[in-house]
């Protein structure tokens, strides 16, 4: 059974292990230059303002991570990653639905995200979930879901 919940201080080691478990493709697409890992470390040290992280637990393991950042803005940004061993189980879709629900409940106007131009599986997921492709920057595609 899948459970989605906010990440809290006792989860620090689980989050660290999650990032270590990512394969090369997930690292490239989600944690290039350890950007998202550093952001989670800032969150654990209390220095990440307007950053709301969640985890997906499946069969007692951390299966995915999702966060909304720049949550002080009317349209926050989404970061999402499902661990390699749990891909193809609908976890990404459920994390995205949870993010959308959370943003709507907090009266946001939508969600922005980017993904690597080679991450075609994620692009398909975002388009299927109703996101609109806005354009590209560097090696990333920008998507928007408007409410």
Foldseek 3Di string as FASTA:
>chain_A
DKDKDWDDLVCLVLVVVQLVQADPVLCVWAQVVNVVVVLVVCVNVVNAPQKTKMFMADPNHGFKIKMWHPNVALETEIGIDGGPVCPPVCPRVVVVVVVQVVSVVVNHFWYKYKTFQPPVVVVVSCVVVPWDFDQDDDRITMTIHGD
